[in-house]
């Protein structure tokens, strides 16, 4: 299994609206993509900023390609992200999930 990590920062005042926007865009698209095994959306408040970390779990790199396209290292953004995000990190990180316990 592969974990895909994306990070974004928005203003604290916009963070609840951004969360709803994430649910309707990226999270919805992750879950609808064949090979996706789940999504976690994490938020950390730091002063007037809100950091979001999305961890999506995938069967394989080829599954990620179905969501992200050929360049799976490139971050995927949506049109209204510009209304929320303070910067656009160009890439994501991938990790092999070596163990999972619940």
C-alpha atoms as a PDB file:
ATOM      1  CA  UNK A   1       0.000   0.000   0.000  1.00  0.00           C
ATOM      2  CA  UNK A   2       1.173   3.550  -0.771  1.00  0.00           C
ATOM      3  CA  UNK A   3       0.448   6.697   1.275  1.00  0.00           C
ATOM      4  CA  UNK A   4       0.281   9.991  -0.626  1.00  0.00           C
ATOM      5  CA  UNK A   5       0.812  13.134   1.497  1.00  0.00           C
ATOM      6  CA  UNK A   6      -0.232  16.625   0.457  1.00  0.00           C
ATOM      7  CA  UNK A   7       0.182  19.792   2.565  1.00  0.00           C
ATOM      8  CA  UNK A   8      -1.541  23.162   2.237  1.00  0.00           C
ATOM      9  CA  UNK A   9      -1.900  26.328   4.319  1.00  0.00           C
ATOM     10  CA  UNK A  10      -4.848  28.707   4.540  1.00  0.00           C
ATOM     11  CA  UNK A  11      -5.922  31.513   6.866  1.00  0.00           C
ATOM     12  CA  UNK A  12      -7.456  30.291  10.109  1.00  0.00           C
ATOM     13  CA  UNK A  13     -10.607  32.309   9.371  1.00  0.00           C
ATOM     14  CA  UNK A  14     -11.119  30.390   6.106  1.00  0.00           C
ATOM     15  CA  UNK A  15     -10.213  26.948   7.418  1.00  0.00           C
ATOM     16  CA  UNK A  16     -13.733  25.627   8.049  1.00  0.00           C
ATOM     17  CA  UNK A  17     -14.879  26.729   4.586  1.00  0.00           C
ATOM     18  CA  UNK A  18     -11.746  25.243   3.062  1.00  0.00           C
ATOM     19  CA  UNK A  19     -12.433  21.929   4.774  1.00  0.00           C
ATOM     20  CA  UNK A  20     -15.897  21.824   3.196  1.00  0.00           C
ATOM     21  CA  UNK A  21     -14.364  22.704  -0.172  1.00  0.00           C
ATOM     22  CA  UNK A  22     -11.801  19.897   0.227  1.00  0.00           C
ATOM     23  CA  UNK A  23     -14.567  17.404   0.932  1.00  0.00           C
ATOM     24  CA  UNK A  24     -16.352  18.395  -2.290  1.00  0.00           C
ATOM     25  CA  UNK A  25     -13.248  18.370  -4.493  1.00  0.00           C
ATOM     26  CA  UNK A  26     -10.090  16.416  -3.667  1.00  0.00           C
ATOM     27  CA  UNK A  27     -11.475  14.095  -1.006  1.00  0.00           C
ATOM     28  CA  UNK A  28     -14.476  13.227  -3.155  1.00  0.00           C
ATOM     29  CA  UNK A  29     -12.211  12.561  -6.155  1.00  0.00           C
ATOM     30  CA  UNK A  30      -9.776  10.456  -4.114  1.00  0.00           C
ATOM     31  CA  UNK A  31     -12.543   8.205  -2.840  1.00  0.00           C
ATOM     32  CA  UNK A  32     -14.096   7.862  -6.306  1.00  0.00           C
ATOM     33  CA  UNK A  33     -10.813   6.716  -7.867  1.00  0.00           C
ATOM     34  CA  UNK A  34     -10.323   2.986  -8.304  1.00  0.00           C
ATOM     35  CA  UNK A  35      -7.540   1.764  -6.047  1.00  0.00           C
ATOM     36  CA  UNK A  36      -8.073   4.321  -3.292  1.00  0.00           C
ATOM     37  CA  UNK A  37      -8.185   2.710   0.136  1.00  0.00           C
ATOM     38  CA  UNK A  38      -9.099   5.772   2.208  1.00  0.00           C
ATOM     39  CA  UNK A  39      -8.383   9.405   2.999  1.00  0.00           C
ATOM     40  CA  UNK A  40      -7.459  11.227   6.190  1.00  0.00           C
ATOM     41  CA  UNK A  41      -7.745  15.023   6.432  1.00  0.00           C
ATOM     42  CA  UNK A  42      -5.713  16.524   9.272  1.00  0.00           C
ATOM     43  CA  UNK A  43      -5.680  20.156  10.405  1.00  0.00           C
ATOM     44  CA  UNK A  44      -3.293  22.002  12.721  1.00  0.00           C
ATOM     45  CA  UNK A  45      -3.869  25.595  13.782  1.00  0.00           C
ATOM     46  CA  UNK A  46      -0.781  27.758  14.109  1.00  0.00           C
ATOM     47  CA  UNK A  47      -1.437  31.402  14.905  1.00  0.00           C
ATOM     48  CA  UNK A  48      -3.580  32.883  12.135  1.00  0.00           C
ATOM     49  CA  UNK A  49      -2.875  29.954   9.793  1.00  0.00           C
ATOM     50  CA  UNK A  50      -4.350  26.509   9.374  1.00  0.00           C
ATOM     51  CA  UNK A  51      -2.185  23.703   8.034  1.00  0.00           C
ATOM     52  CA  UNK A  52      -3.932  20.867   6.236  1.00  0.00           C
ATOM     53  CA  UNK A  53      -2.333  17.494   5.665  1.00  0.00           C
ATOM     54  CA  UNK A  54      -4.157  15.001   3.487  1.00  0.00           C
ATOM     55  CA  UNK A  55      -3.035  11.403   3.646  1.00  0.00           C
ATOM     56  CA  UNK A  56      -4.583   9.211   0.994  1.00  0.00           C
ATOM     57  CA  UNK A  57      -3.978   5.484   0.835  1.00  0.00           C
ATOM     58  CA  UNK A  58      -3.635   3.587  -2.441  1.00  0.00           C
ATOM     59  CA  UNK A  59      -3.239   0.026  -3.680  1.00  0.00           C
ATOM     60  CA  UNK A  60      -0.340   0.963  -5.964  1.00  0.00           C
ATOM     61  CA  UNK A  61       1.432   3.746  -7.830  1.00  0.00           C
ATOM     62  CA  UNK A  62      -0.664   2.927 -10.889  1.00  0.00           C
ATOM     63  CA  UNK A  63      -3.785   3.596  -8.785  1.00  0.00           C
ATOM     64  CA  UNK A  64      -2.401   7.012  -7.851  1.00  0.00           C
ATOM     65  CA  UNK A  65      -1.813   7.710 -11.538  1.00  0.00           C
ATOM     66  CA  UNK A  66      -5.557   7.317 -12.139  1.00  0.00           C
ATOM     67  CA  UNK A  67      -6.103  10.302  -9.828  1.00  0.00           C
ATOM     68  CA  UNK A  68      -2.995  12.430 -10.386  1.00  0.00           C
ATOM     69  CA  UNK A  69      -1.993  11.666 -13.967  1.00  0.00           C
ATOM     70  CA  UNK A  70       1.378  10.446 -15.280  1.00  0.00           C
ATOM     71  CA  UNK A  71       3.443  12.725 -13.009  1.00  0.00           C
ATOM     72  CA  UNK A  72       2.263  11.362  -9.662  1.00  0.00           C
ATOM     73  CA  UNK A  73       4.768  13.541  -7.778  1.00  0.00           C
ATOM     74  CA  UNK A  74       2.979  16.712  -8.922  1.00  0.00           C
ATOM     75  CA  UNK A  75       0.361  18.144  -6.542  1.00  0.00           C
ATOM     76  CA  UNK A  76      -3.204  18.300  -7.867  1.00  0.00           C
ATOM     77  CA  UNK A  77      -5.018  21.624  -7.431  1.00  0.00           C
ATOM     78  CA  UNK A  78      -8.558  22.767  -8.168  1.00  0.00           C
ATOM     79  CA  UNK A  79      -9.706  26.161  -9.532  1.00  0.00           C
ATOM     80  CA  UNK A  80     -10.979  27.613  -6.245  1.00  0.00           C
ATOM     81  CA  UNK A  81      -7.845  26.621  -4.320  1.00  0.00           C
ATOM     82  CA  UNK A  82      -6.546  30.084  -5.224  1.00  0.00           C
ATOM     83  CA  UNK A  83      -9.288  31.566  -3.013  1.00  0.00           C
ATOM     84  CA  UNK A  84      -8.010  29.694   0.031  1.00  0.00           C
ATOM     85  CA  UNK A  85      -4.379  28.617  -0.167  1.00  0.00           C
ATOM     86  CA  UNK A  86      -1.519  30.922   0.778  1.00  0.00           C
ATOM     87  CA  UNK A  87       0.957  29.014  -1.395  1.00  0.00           C
ATOM     88  CA  UNK A  88       0.977  26.139  -3.850  1.00  0.00           C
ATOM     89  CA  UNK A  89       3.457  23.448  -2.986  1.00  0.00           C
ATOM     90  CA  UNK A  90       4.441  21.891  -6.317  1.00  0.00           C
ATOM     91  CA  UNK A  91       4.807  18.291  -5.201  1.00  0.00           C
ATOM     92  CA  UNK A  92       3.521  15.639  -2.841  1.00  0.00           C
ATOM     93  CA  UNK A  93       5.294  12.851  -1.002  1.00  0.00           C
ATOM     94  CA  UNK A  94       4.751   9.121  -1.253  1.00  0.00           C
ATOM     95  CA  UNK A  95       5.571   6.505   1.353  1.00  0.00           C
ATOM     96  CA  UNK A  96       5.269   2.750   1.336  1.00  0.00           C
ATOM     97  CA  UNK A  97       3.000   1.605   4.144  1.00  0.00           C
ATOM     98  CA  UNK A  98       4.996  -1.173   5.752  1.00  0.00           C
ATOM     99  CA  UNK A  99       2.652  -2.000   8.588  1.00  0.00           C
ATOM    100  CA  UNK A 100      -0.929  -1.194   9.497  1.00  0.00           C
ATOM    101  CA  UNK A 101      -2.626  -1.998  12.794  1.00  0.00           C
ATOM    102  CA  UNK A 102      -6.097  -1.092  13.978  1.00  0.00           C
END
